[in-house]
Amino acid sequence: MGKDRSIGVALDFSKGSKVALKWAINNLLESGDTLYIIHVKPSLGNESRNVIWSASGSPLIPFSEFKEPAVWQGYGVNTDAEVLELLHDLSNRLELNIVGKIYWGDARDKICGAVDELKLSALVMGSRGLGSIQRVFLGSVTSFVIEHATCPVTVVKDPSSS
């Protein structure tokens, strides 16, 4: 992949997704890339923003805005200081365009839709480490995205979950 890539990181602020973000920072991102932070909230059906943005997700949120926790909270998302610090350090170290996008609904469908909508060159996501029986009953967002995404997907396993 060359410069000016669009790299997505699926981030739900879990330990696994933070490990994936750190992996992308240390192994994939380069100056000139655009980093999309993709967050999917389950649709609760009682929030007006679900109706307004249910199909398209939130507007793109530039890092200059979403580095403020109040912006995320306006969308009903509780952020993580560690993640914001990582992104702040990254933005100071590399010339990146960092953008956030929030979706409401089923994570499997919304992440695959984001790949197409944002024209991602690659997607990085964490793995919750479900066992085979849990995957059969609960399904796996990771498995679904690997099978249906239209770009390369890197799944980063949390080394402490082995």
Protein backbone atom coordinates (compact mmCIF):
# COMPACT_ATOMS: atom_id res chain seq x y z
CA MET A 1 0.00 0.00 0.00
CA GLY A 2 1.26 3.50 -0.77
CA LYS A 3 0.83 6.85 0.85
CA ASP A 4 -2.55 8.53 1.32
CA ARG A 5 -4.15 5.34 2.56
CA SER A 6 -7.44 5.23 4.42
CA ILE A 7 -7.02 2.98 7.46
CA GLY A 8 -9.95 2.13 9.70
CA VAL A 9 -9.76 0.93 13.29
CA ALA A 10 -12.94 -0.51 14.81
CA LEU A 11 -12.90 0.87 18.34
CA ASP A 12 -15.38 0.09 21.11
CA PHE A 13 -12.93 1.14 23.86
CA SER A 14 -12.59 -2.48 25.04
CA LYS A 15 -9.16 -3.84 25.90
CA GLY A 16 -9.06 -5.80 22.65
CA SER A 17 -9.89 -2.79 20.49
CA LYS A 18 -7.28 -0.68 22.28
CA VAL A 19 -4.69 -3.40 21.57
CA ALA A 20 -5.74 -3.22 17.89
CA LEU A 21 -5.36 0.57 17.85
CA LYS A 22 -1.89 0.32 19.39
CA TRP A 23 -0.94 -2.33 16.81
CA ALA A 24 -2.11 -0.07 13.96
CA ILE A 25 -0.13 2.85 15.40
CA ASN A 26 3.06 0.81 15.80
CA ASN A 27 2.91 -1.31 12.64
CA LEU A 28 0.72 0.22 9.95
CA LEU A 29 0.14 3.96 10.04
CA GLU A 30 2.44 6.32 8.16
CA SER A 31 2.52 10.05 7.49
CA GLY A 32 -0.08 10.99 4.88
CA ASP A 33 -2.57 8.30 5.94
CA THR A 34 -6.12 9.00 7.07
CA LEU A 35 -7.07 7.12 10.22
CA TYR A 36 -10.78 6.51 10.68
CA ILE A 37 -11.87 5.61 14.20
CA ILE A 38 -15.07 3.60 13.71
CA HIS A 39 -17.35 3.16 16.70
CA VAL A 40 -20.65 1.27 16.61
CA LYS A 41 -23.27 1.67 19.32
CA PRO A 42 -26.08 -0.84 19.59
CA SER A 43 -29.35 0.69 18.44
CA LEU A 44 -31.60 1.15 21.44
CA GLY A 45 -34.47 2.50 19.37
CA ASN A 46 -35.26 5.31 21.80
CA GLU A 47 -32.66 7.88 20.81
CA SER A 48 -33.60 10.50 18.24
CA ARG A 49 -30.11 10.34 16.70
CA ASN A 50 -30.81 6.69 15.80
CA VAL A 51 -33.56 7.85 13.46
CA ILE A 52 -31.55 10.72 12.00
CA TRP A 53 -28.31 8.79 11.43
CA SER A 54 -29.43 5.16 11.49
CA ALA A 55 -28.41 4.57 7.88
CA SER A 56 -25.44 6.90 7.45
CA GLY A 57 -23.95 7.21 10.93
CA SER A 58 -22.75 10.47 12.41
CA PRO A 59 -21.07 13.13 10.34
CA LEU A 60 -17.30 12.72 10.12
CA ILE A 61 -15.78 14.14 13.30
CA PRO A 62 -12.29 15.62 12.89
CA PHE A 63 -9.77 14.87 15.64
CA SER A 64 -9.65 18.55 16.58
CA GLU A 65 -13.26 18.09 17.77
CA PHE A 66 -13.40 14.49 18.97
CA LYS A 67 -10.33 14.82 21.18
CA GLU A 68 -12.76 16.57 23.53
CA PRO A 69 -14.68 13.96 25.58
CA ALA A 70 -17.77 16.21 25.55
CA VAL A 71 -18.10 15.73 21.78
CA TRP A 72 -18.25 11.93 22.16
CA GLN A 73 -20.63 12.27 25.10
CA GLY A 74 -22.91 14.34 22.86
CA TYR A 75 -23.29 11.18 20.79
CA GLY A 76 -23.84 9.05 23.88
CA VAL A 77 -20.36 7.50 23.79
CA ASN A 78 -18.12 7.25 26.84
CA THR A 79 -14.54 7.68 25.73
CA ASP A 80 -11.32 6.47 27.23
CA ALA A 81 -8.54 8.84 28.28
CA GLU A 82 -5.88 6.33 27.22
CA VAL A 83 -7.24 6.21 23.66
CA LEU A 84 -7.47 9.99 23.38
CA GLU A 85 -3.90 10.29 24.66
CA LEU A 86 -2.66 7.71 22.12
CA LEU A 87 -4.36 9.57 19.28
CA HIS A 88 -3.09 12.95 20.49
CA ASP A 89 0.49 11.64 20.60
CA LEU A 90 0.04 10.05 17.17
CA SER A 91 -1.27 13.27 15.65
CA ASN A 92 1.77 15.12 17.01
CA ARG A 93 4.22 12.47 15.74
CA LEU A 94 2.88 11.79 12.25
CA GLU A 95 1.14 13.96 9.71
CA LEU A 96 -2.16 12.11 9.77
CA ASN A 97 -5.73 13.04 9.22
CA ILE A 98 -7.60 11.44 12.15
CA VAL A 99 -11.38 11.28 11.86
CA GLY A 100 -14.09 9.66 13.97
CA LYS A 101 -17.35 8.16 12.77
CA ILE A 102 -20.12 6.73 14.95
CA TYR A 103 -22.74 4.28 13.75
CA TRP A 104 -25.82 2.85 15.43
CA GLY A 105 -26.97 -0.71 14.88
CA ASP A 106 -25.47 -4.16 14.38
CA ALA A 107 -21.67 -3.91 14.53
CA ARG A 108 -21.19 -6.57 11.84
CA ASP A 109 -23.24 -4.73 9.24
CA LYS A 110 -22.14 -1.24 10.22
CA ILE A 111 -18.41 -2.02 10.15
CA CYS A 112 -18.70 -3.65 6.71
CA GLY A 113 -20.76 -0.67 5.54
CA ALA A 114 -18.12 1.72 6.88
CA VAL A 115 -15.43 -0.10 4.87
CA ASP A 116 -17.35 0.69 1.68
CA GLU A 117 -18.57 4.16 2.62
CA LEU A 118 -15.17 5.39 3.78
CA LYS A 119 -13.35 3.53 0.97
CA LEU A 120 -10.92 1.98 3.44
CA SER A 121 -7.60 0.57 2.23
CA ALA A 122 -7.45 -1.66 5.33
CA LEU A 123 -9.32 -2.29 8.56
CA VAL A 124 -7.82 -3.23 11.92
CA MET A 125 -9.92 -4.68 14.70
CA GLY A 126 -9.48 -6.53 17.95
CA SER A 127 -10.75 -9.93 18.87
CA ARG A 128 -12.77 -10.60 21.99
CA GLY A 129 -11.42 -14.13 22.10
CA LEU A 130 -14.73 -15.99 22.08
CA GLY A 131 -14.42 -19.75 22.27
CA SER A 132 -15.85 -21.87 19.47
CA ILE A 133 -19.06 -22.64 21.38
CA GLN A 134 -19.67 -18.97 22.19
CA ARG A 135 -19.12 -18.05 18.52
CA VAL A 136 -21.75 -20.59 17.45
CA PHE A 137 -24.40 -19.13 19.76
CA LEU A 138 -23.41 -15.45 19.81
CA GLY A 139 -21.81 -15.07 16.41
CA SER A 140 -18.57 -13.24 15.95
CA VAL A 141 -18.33 -9.69 14.65
CA THR A 142 -14.74 -10.40 13.69
CA SER A 143 -15.59 -13.55 11.71
CA PHE A 144 -18.41 -11.77 9.87
CA VAL A 145 -16.26 -8.75 8.99
CA ILE A 146 -13.38 -10.93 7.76
CA GLU A 147 -15.76 -12.77 5.45
CA HIS A 148 -17.74 -9.78 4.14
CA ALA A 149 -15.46 -6.70 4.20
CA THR A 150 -14.23 -5.48 0.82
CA CYS A 151 -10.75 -4.56 2.07
CA PRO A 152 -7.99 -6.43 3.90
CA VAL A 153 -8.82 -6.95 7.59
CA THR A 154 -6.18 -7.39 10.27
CA VAL A 155 -7.39 -8.96 13.51
CA VAL A 156 -5.19 -8.25 16.49
CA LYS A 157 -5.51 -10.67 19.37
CA ASP A 158 -4.90 -9.44 22.91
CA PRO A 159 -1.78 -11.35 23.99
CA SER A 160 -3.00 -11.46 27.59
CA SER A 161 -6.15 -13.39 26.60
CA SER A 162 -4.27 -16.53 25.52
